[in-house]
Amino acid sequence: MISVDIIEDIEEIRNTVSEFIGLQPELLMNTAAASVEEYLVKQPTELNPDVIILDIGLPGISGLSAIEIIKKNCQILK
């Protein structure tokens, strides 16, 4: 099973994509957040995502800046 996280600030997009992923038998919808800051709080410590759908133009920490932060966070969780 492939675990998927989503970081998207537009609620309608985030919810639609989350619902779609949740309906796929080979995918596990893990965490959905509206910002990088929210994601870092919500991300479960026991499961690193296989895939992150990450909006680049987010308020606060941008999606591009988040890549290194999330990558380091996932390495700590291993």
PDB file of N, CA and C in Angstrom:
ATOM      1  N   MET A   1       0.848  -1.180   0.000  1.00  0.00           N
ATOM      2  CA  MET A   1       0.000   0.000   0.000  1.00  0.00           C
ATOM      3  C   MET A   1       0.895   1.245   0.000  1.00  0.00           C
ATOM      4  N   ILE A   2       0.505   2.230  -0.760  1.00  0.00           N
ATOM      5  CA  ILE A   2       1.256   3.482  -0.887  1.00  0.00           C
ATOM      6  C   ILE A   2       0.576   4.538  -0.023  1.00  0.00           C
ATOM      7  N   SER A   3       1.322   5.102   0.929  1.00  0.00           N
ATOM      8  CA  SER A   3       0.755   6.152   1.785  1.00  0.00           C
ATOM      9  C   SER A   3       0.969   7.513   1.139  1.00  0.00           C
ATOM     10  N   VAL A   4      -0.071   8.351   1.209  1.00  0.00           N
ATOM     11  CA  VAL A   4      -0.062   9.651   0.546  1.00  0.00           C
ATOM     12  C   VAL A   4      -0.427  10.745   1.548  1.00  0.00           C
ATOM     13  N   ASP A   5       0.330  11.825   1.534  1.00  0.00           N
ATOM     14  CA  ASP A   5       0.025  13.032   2.298  1.00  0.00           C
ATOM     15  C   ASP A   5      -0.244  14.165   1.315  1.00  0.00           C
ATOM     16  N   ILE A   6      -1.094  15.099   1.730  1.00  0.00           N
ATOM     17  CA  ILE A   6      -1.418  16.257   0.885  1.00  0.00           C
ATOM     18  C   ILE A   6      -1.235  17.529   1.699  1.00  0.00           C
ATOM     19  N   ILE A   7      -0.561  18.496   1.095  1.00  0.00           N
ATOM     20  CA  ILE A   7      -0.478  19.837   1.670  1.00  0.00           C
ATOM     21  C   ILE A   7      -0.979  20.797   0.597  1.00  0.00           C
ATOM     22  N   GLU A   8      -2.164  21.327   0.822  1.00  0.00           N
ATOM     23  CA  GLU A   8      -2.841  22.205  -0.145  1.00  0.00           C
ATOM     24  C   GLU A   8      -3.708  23.186   0.626  1.00  0.00           C
ATOM     25  N   ASP A   9      -3.538  24.476   0.351  1.00  0.00           N
ATOM     26  CA  ASP A   9      -4.269  25.488   1.112  1.00  0.00           C
ATOM     27  C   ASP A   9      -5.704  25.714   0.634  1.00  0.00           C
ATOM     28  N   ILE A  10      -6.034  25.308  -0.571  1.00  0.00           N
ATOM     29  CA  ILE A  10      -7.402  25.476  -1.064  1.00  0.00           C
ATOM     30  C   ILE A  10      -8.212  24.257  -0.620  1.00  0.00           C
ATOM     31  N   GLU A  11      -9.151  24.499   0.280  1.00  0.00           N
ATOM     32  CA  GLU A  11      -9.889  23.415   0.927  1.00  0.00           C
ATOM     33  C   GLU A  11     -10.609  22.509  -0.068  1.00  0.00           C
ATOM     34  N   GLU A  12     -11.247  23.091  -1.075  1.00  0.00           N
ATOM     35  CA  GLU A  12     -11.986  22.287  -2.047  1.00  0.00           C
ATOM     36  C   GLU A  12     -11.071  21.312  -2.789  1.00  0.00           C
ATOM     37  N   ILE A  13      -9.903  21.777  -3.181  1.00  0.00           N
ATOM     38  CA  ILE A  13      -8.941  20.902  -3.860  1.00  0.00           C
ATOM     39  C   ILE A  13      -8.443  19.831  -2.901  1.00  0.00           C
ATOM     40  N   ARG A  14      -8.052  20.246  -1.696  1.00  0.00           N
ATOM     41  CA  ARG A  14      -7.531  19.311  -0.692  1.00  0.00           C
ATOM     42  C   ARG A  14      -8.550  18.207  -0.396  1.00  0.00           C
ATOM     43  N   ASN A  15      -9.803  18.595  -0.181  1.00  0.00           N
ATOM     44  CA  ASN A  15     -10.835  17.613   0.149  1.00  0.00           C
ATOM     45  C   ASN A  15     -11.135  16.684  -1.015  1.00  0.00           C
ATOM     46  N   THR A  16     -11.211  17.235  -2.225  1.00  0.00           N
ATOM     47  CA  THR A  16     -11.505  16.422  -3.406  1.00  0.00           C
ATOM     48  C   THR A  16     -10.405  15.402  -3.659  1.00  0.00           C
ATOM     49  N   VAL A  17      -9.167  15.839  -3.608  1.00  0.00           N
ATOM     50  CA  VAL A  17      -8.042  14.925  -3.838  1.00  0.00           C
ATOM     51  C   VAL A  17      -7.971  13.889  -2.717  1.00  0.00           C
ATOM     52  N   SER A  18      -8.188  14.302  -1.481  1.00  0.00           N
ATOM     53  CA  SER A  18      -8.175  13.365  -0.350  1.00  0.00           C
ATOM     54  C   SER A  18      -9.245  12.287  -0.512  1.00  0.00           C
ATOM     55  N   GLU A  19     -10.438  12.701  -0.900  1.00  0.00           N
ATOM     56  CA  GLU A  19     -11.531  11.740  -1.106  1.00  0.00           C
ATOM     57  C   GLU A  19     -11.196  10.762  -2.227  1.00  0.00           C
ATOM     58  N   PHE A  20     -10.655  11.287  -3.325  1.00  0.00           N
ATOM     59  CA  PHE A  20     -10.288  10.428  -4.451  1.00  0.00           C
ATOM     60  C   PHE A  20      -9.248   9.397  -4.035  1.00  0.00           C
ATOM     61  N   ILE A  21      -8.213   9.845  -3.355  1.00  0.00           N
ATOM     62  CA  ILE A  21      -7.157   8.933  -2.911  1.00  0.00           C
ATOM     63  C   ILE A  21      -7.719   7.903  -1.936  1.00  0.00           C
ATOM     64  N   GLY A  22      -8.593   8.343  -1.049  1.00  0.00           N
ATOM     65  CA  GLY A  22      -9.202   7.439  -0.082  1.00  0.00           C
ATOM     66  C   GLY A  22     -10.028   6.333  -0.713  1.00  0.00           C
ATOM     67  N   LEU A  23     -10.516   6.535  -1.923  1.00  0.00           N
ATOM     68  CA  LEU A  23     -11.310   5.531  -2.627  1.00  0.00           C
ATOM     69  C   LEU A  23     -10.465   4.514  -3.390  1.00  0.00           C
ATOM     70  N   GLN A  24      -9.169   4.766  -3.500  1.00  0.00           N
ATOM     71  CA  GLN A  24      -8.298   3.871  -4.251  1.00  0.00           C
ATOM     72  C   GLN A  24      -7.793   2.753  -3.338  1.00  0.00           C
ATOM     73  N   PRO A  25      -8.028   1.501  -3.695  1.00  0.00           N
ATOM     74  CA  PRO A  25      -7.662   0.397  -2.803  1.00  0.00           C
ATOM     75  C   PRO A  25      -6.155   0.245  -2.578  1.00  0.00           C
ATOM     76  N   GLU A  26      -5.336   0.723  -3.504  1.00  0.00           N
ATOM     77  CA  GLU A  26      -3.887   0.573  -3.362  1.00  0.00           C
ATOM     78  C   GLU A  26      -3.226   1.774  -2.677  1.00  0.00           C
ATOM     79  N   LEU A  27      -4.035   2.788  -2.337  1.00  0.00           N
ATOM     80  CA  LEU A  27      -3.508   3.995  -1.703  1.00  0.00           C
ATOM     81  C   LEU A  27      -4.071   4.163  -0.300  1.00  0.00           C
ATOM     82  N   LEU A  28      -3.248   4.711   0.592  1.00  0.00           N
ATOM     83  CA  LEU A  28      -3.672   5.038   1.943  1.00  0.00           C
ATOM     84  C   LEU A  28      -3.591   6.549   2.110  1.00  0.00           C
ATOM     85  N   MET A  29      -4.733   7.197   2.263  1.00  0.00           N
ATOM     86  CA  MET A  29      -4.744   8.644   2.508  1.00  0.00           C
ATOM     87  C   MET A  29      -4.355   8.839   3.962  1.00  0.00           C
ATOM     88  N   ASN A  30      -3.174   9.401   4.159  1.00  0.00           N
ATOM     89  CA  ASN A  30      -2.582   9.486   5.478  1.00  0.00           C
ATOM     90  C   ASN A  30      -2.896  10.814   6.156  1.00  0.00           C
ATOM     91  N   THR A  31      -2.330  11.902   5.658  1.00  0.00           N
ATOM     92  CA  THR A  31      -2.476  13.212   6.287  1.00  0.00           C
ATOM     93  C   THR A  31      -2.800  14.262   5.239  1.00  0.00           C
ATOM     94  N   ALA A  32      -3.763  15.133   5.546  1.00  0.00           N
ATOM     95  CA  ALA A  32      -4.081  16.276   4.691  1.00  0.00           C
ATOM     96  C   ALA A  32      -4.002  17.523   5.542  1.00  0.00           C
ATOM     97  N   ALA A  33      -3.303  18.536   5.036  1.00  0.00           N
ATOM     98  CA  ALA A  33      -3.121  19.770   5.794  1.00  0.00           C
ATOM     99  C   ALA A  33      -3.207  20.975   4.868  1.00  0.00           C
ATOM    100  N   ALA A  34      -3.566  22.123   5.450  1.00  0.00           N
ATOM    101  CA  ALA A  34      -3.718  23.357   4.679  1.00  0.00           C
ATOM    102  C   ALA A  34      -2.422  24.149   4.579  1.00  0.00           C
ATOM    103  N   SER A  35      -1.443  23.801   5.396  1.00  0.00           N
ATOM    104  CA  SER A  35      -0.160  24.519   5.373  1.00  0.00           C
ATOM    105  C   SER A  35       0.945  23.578   5.820  1.00  0.00           C
ATOM    106  N   VAL A  36       2.165  23.971   5.554  1.00  0.00           N
ATOM    107  CA  VAL A  36       3.315  23.184   5.998  1.00  0.00           C
ATOM    108  C   VAL A  36       3.351  23.150   7.517  1.00  0.00           C
ATOM    109  N   GLU A  37       3.059  24.271   8.126  1.00  0.00           N
ATOM    110  CA  GLU A  37       3.074  24.346   9.584  1.00  0.00           C
ATOM    111  C   GLU A  37       2.073  23.362  10.193  1.00  0.00           C
ATOM    112  N   GLU A  38       0.870  23.316   9.634  1.00  0.00           N
ATOM    113  CA  GLU A  38      -0.149  22.379  10.111  1.00  0.00           C
ATOM    114  C   GLU A  38       0.290  20.938   9.873  1.00  0.00           C
ATOM    115  N   TYR A  39       0.879  20.694   8.717  1.00  0.00           N
ATOM    116  CA  TYR A  39       1.334  19.347   8.377  1.00  0.00           C
ATOM    117  C   TYR A  39       2.374  18.848   9.366  1.00  0.00           C
ATOM    118  N   LEU A  40       3.311  19.696   9.728  1.00  0.00           N
ATOM    119  CA  LEU A  40       4.370  19.276  10.645  1.00  0.00           C
ATOM    120  C   LEU A  40       3.818  18.903  12.016  1.00  0.00           C
ATOM    121  N   VAL A  41       2.711  19.522  12.403  1.00  0.00           N
ATOM    122  CA  VAL A  41       2.056  19.180  13.669  1.00  0.00           C
ATOM    123  C   VAL A  41       1.251  17.884  13.524  1.00  0.00           C
ATOM    124  N   LYS A  42       0.561  17.712  12.389  1.00  0.00           N
ATOM    125  CA  LYS A  42      -0.351  16.583  12.186  1.00  0.00           C
ATOM    126  C   LYS A  42       0.337  15.300  11.726  1.00  0.00           C
ATOM    127  N   GLN A  43       1.516  15.410  11.113  1.00  0.00           N
ATOM    128  CA  GLN A  43       2.160  14.238  10.516  1.00  0.00           C
ATOM    129  C   GLN A  43       2.400  13.169  11.575  1.00  0.00           C
ATOM    130  N   PRO A  44       1.858  11.966  11.347  1.00  0.00           N
ATOM    131  CA  PRO A  44       2.066  10.906  12.336  1.00  0.00           C
ATOM    132  C   PRO A  44       3.523  10.477  12.399  1.00  0.00           C
ATOM    133  N   THR A  45       3.991  10.256  13.584  1.00  0.00           N
ATOM    134  CA  THR A  45       5.395   9.899  13.760  1.00  0.00           C
ATOM    135  C   THR A  45       5.697   8.460  13.363  1.00  0.00           C
ATOM    136  N   GLU A  46       4.667   7.627  13.287  1.00  0.00           N
ATOM    137  CA  GLU A  46       4.911   6.215  12.987  1.00  0.00           C
ATOM    138  C   GLU A  46       4.892   5.893  11.501  1.00  0.00           C
ATOM    139  N   LEU A  47       4.517   6.842  10.653  1.00  0.00           N
ATOM    140  CA  LEU A  47       4.378   6.541   9.231  1.00  0.00           C
ATOM    141  C   LEU A  47       4.909   7.669   8.363  1.00  0.00           C
ATOM    142  N   ASN A  48       6.029   7.414   7.693  1.00  0.00           N
ATOM    143  CA  ASN A  48       6.526   8.355   6.689  1.00  0.00           C
ATOM    144  C   ASN A  48       5.742   8.141   5.404  1.00  0.00           C
ATOM    145  N   PRO A  49       5.346   9.218   4.731  1.00  0.00           N
ATOM    146  CA  PRO A  49       4.591   9.047   3.485  1.00  0.00           C
ATOM    147  C   PRO A  49       5.484   8.526   2.357  1.00  0.00           C
ATOM    148  N   ASP A  50       4.885   7.773   1.461  1.00  0.00           N
ATOM    149  CA  ASP A  50       5.586   7.371   0.246  1.00  0.00           C
ATOM    150  C   ASP A  50       5.535   8.496  -0.780  1.00  0.00           C
ATOM    151  N   VAL A  51       4.416   9.242  -0.771  1.00  0.00           N
ATOM    152  CA  VAL A  51       4.190  10.326  -1.726  1.00  0.00           C
ATOM    153  C   VAL A  51       3.604  11.517  -0.977  1.00  0.00           C
ATOM    154  N   ILE A  52       4.079  12.717  -1.305  1.00  0.00           N
ATOM    155  CA  ILE A  52       3.482  13.938  -0.779  1.00  0.00           C
ATOM    156  C   ILE A  52       3.037  14.788  -1.966  1.00  0.00           C
ATOM    157  N   ILE A  53       1.759  15.114  -1.988  1.00  0.00           N
ATOM    158  CA  ILE A  53       1.244  16.058  -2.984  1.00  0.00           C
ATOM    159  C   ILE A  53       1.344  17.424  -2.319  1.00  0.00           C
ATOM    160  N   LEU A  54       2.224  18.250  -2.834  1.00  0.00           N
ATOM    161  CA  LEU A  54       2.618  19.483  -2.157  1.00  0.00           C
ATOM    162  C   LEU A  54       2.409  20.686  -3.063  1.00  0.00           C
ATOM    163  N   ASP A  55       1.536  21.589  -2.645  1.00  0.00           N
ATOM    164  CA  ASP A  55       1.319  22.844  -3.353  1.00  0.00           C
ATOM    165  C   ASP A  55       2.579  23.701  -3.200  1.00  0.00           C
ATOM    166  N   ILE A  56       3.032  24.299  -4.266  1.00  0.00           N
ATOM    167  CA  ILE A  56       4.243  25.119  -4.198  1.00  0.00           C
ATOM    168  C   ILE A  56       3.949  26.486  -3.590  1.00  0.00           C
ATOM    169  N   GLY A  57       2.813  27.093  -3.958  1.00  0.00           N
ATOM    170  CA  GLY A  57       2.490  28.446  -3.510  1.00  0.00           C
ATOM    171  C   GLY A  57       1.608  28.450  -2.272  1.00  0.00           C
ATOM    172  N   LEU A  58       2.172  28.104  -1.144  1.00  0.00           N
ATOM    173  CA  LEU A  58       1.428  28.068   0.111  1.00  0.00           C
ATOM    174  C   LEU A  58       1.676  29.328   0.927  1.00  0.00           C
ATOM    175  N   PRO A  59       0.715  29.717   1.757  1.00  0.00           N
ATOM    176  CA  PRO A  59       0.981  30.815   2.702  1.00  0.00           C
ATOM    177  C   PRO A  59       1.949  30.315   3.785  1.00  0.00           C
ATOM    178  N   GLY A  60       2.702  31.209   4.365  1.00  0.00           N
ATOM    179  CA  GLY A  60       3.688  30.782   5.372  1.00  0.00           C
ATOM    180  C   GLY A  60       4.886  30.163   4.674  1.00  0.00           C
ATOM    181  N   ILE A  61       5.280  28.982   5.128  1.00  0.00           N
ATOM    182  CA  ILE A  61       6.392  28.274   4.494  1.00  0.00           C
ATOM    183  C   ILE A  61       5.928  27.789   3.121  1.00  0.00           C
ATOM    184  N   SER A  62       6.669  28.143   2.080  1.00  0.00           N
ATOM    185  CA  SER A  62       6.290  27.741   0.719  1.00  0.00           C
ATOM    186  C   SER A  62       6.532  26.249   0.523  1.00  0.00           C
ATOM    187  N   GLY A  63       5.880  25.700  -0.481  1.00  0.00           N
ATOM    188  CA  GLY A  63       6.071  24.296  -0.796  1.00  0.00           C
ATOM    189  C   GLY A  63       7.507  23.960  -1.138  1.00  0.00           C
ATOM    190  N   LEU A  64       8.173  24.851  -1.847  1.00  0.00           N
ATOM    191  CA  LEU A  64       9.570  24.602  -2.200  1.00  0.00           C
ATOM    192  C   LEU A  64      10.463  24.590  -0.969  1.00  0.00           C
ATOM    193  N   SER A  65      10.245  25.512  -0.052  1.00  0.00           N
ATOM    194  CA  SER A  65      11.034  25.544   1.183  1.00  0.00           C
ATOM    195  C   SER A  65      10.715  24.346   2.073  1.00  0.00           C
ATOM    196  N   ALA A  66       9.503  23.843   1.961  1.00  0.00           N
ATOM    197  CA  ALA A  66       9.061  22.735   2.815  1.00  0.00           C
ATOM    198  C   ALA A  66       9.745  21.421   2.481  1.00  0.00           C
ATOM    199  N   ILE A  67      10.196  21.261   1.257  1.00  0.00           N
ATOM    200  CA  ILE A  67      10.763  19.973   0.837  1.00  0.00           C
ATOM    201  C   ILE A  67      11.903  19.550   1.753  1.00  0.00           C
ATOM    202  N   GLU A  68      12.857  20.416   1.992  1.00  0.00           N
ATOM    203  CA  GLU A  68      13.993  20.075   2.855  1.00  0.00           C
ATOM    204  C   GLU A  68      13.557  19.842   4.300  1.00  0.00           C
ATOM    205  N   ILE A  69      12.632  20.656   4.788  1.00  0.00           N
ATOM    206  CA  ILE A  69      12.139  20.506   6.166  1.00  0.00           C
ATOM    207  C   ILE A  69      11.468  19.146   6.333  1.00  0.00           C
ATOM    208  N   ILE A  70      10.598  18.799   5.411  1.00  0.00           N
ATOM    209  CA  ILE A  70       9.880  17.525   5.499  1.00  0.00           C
ATOM    210  C   ILE A  70      10.843  16.355   5.333  1.00  0.00           C
ATOM    211  N   LYS A  71      11.775  16.491   4.416  1.00  0.00           N
ATOM    212  CA  LYS A  71      12.759  15.436   4.196  1.00  0.00           C
ATOM    213  C   LYS A  71      13.564  15.170   5.468  1.00  0.00           C
ATOM    214  N   LYS A  72      14.025  16.219   6.124  1.00  0.00           N
ATOM    215  CA  LYS A  72      14.763  16.053   7.384  1.00  0.00           C
ATOM    216  C   LYS A  72      13.875  15.447   8.454  1.00  0.00           C
ATOM    217  N   ASN A  73      12.626  15.888   8.522  1.00  0.00           N
ATOM    218  CA  ASN A  73      11.670  15.372   9.504  1.00  0.00           C
ATOM    219  C   ASN A  73      11.442  13.874   9.288  1.00  0.00           C
ATOM    220  N   CYS A  74      11.323  13.453   8.053  1.00  0.00           N
ATOM    221  CA  CYS A  74      11.110  12.036   7.760  1.00  0.00           C
ATOM    222  C   CYS A  74      12.343  11.201   8.105  1.00  0.00           C
ATOM    223  N   GLN A  75      13.525  11.752   7.926  1.00  0.00           N
ATOM    224  CA  GLN A  75      14.745  11.032   8.285  1.00  0.00           C
ATOM    225  C   GLN A  75      14.845  10.835   9.793  1.00  0.00           C
ATOM    226  N   ILE A  76      14.376  11.831  10.542  1.00  0.00           N
ATOM    227  CA  ILE A  76      14.388  11.732  11.997  1.00  0.00           C
ATOM    228  C   ILE A  76      13.417  10.639  12.439  1.00  0.00           C
ATOM    229  N   LEU A  77      12.304  10.488  11.721  1.00  0.00           N
ATOM    230  CA  LEU A  77      11.283   9.520  12.106  1.00  0.00           C
ATOM    231  C   LEU A  77      11.667   8.082  11.808  1.00  0.00           C
ATOM    232  N   LYS A  78      12.668   7.857  10.984  1.00  0.00           N
ATOM    233  CA  LYS A  78      13.069   6.473  10.616  1.00  0.00           C
ATOM    234  C   LYS A  78      13.713   5.761  11.773  1.00  0.00           C
TER     235      LYS A  78
END
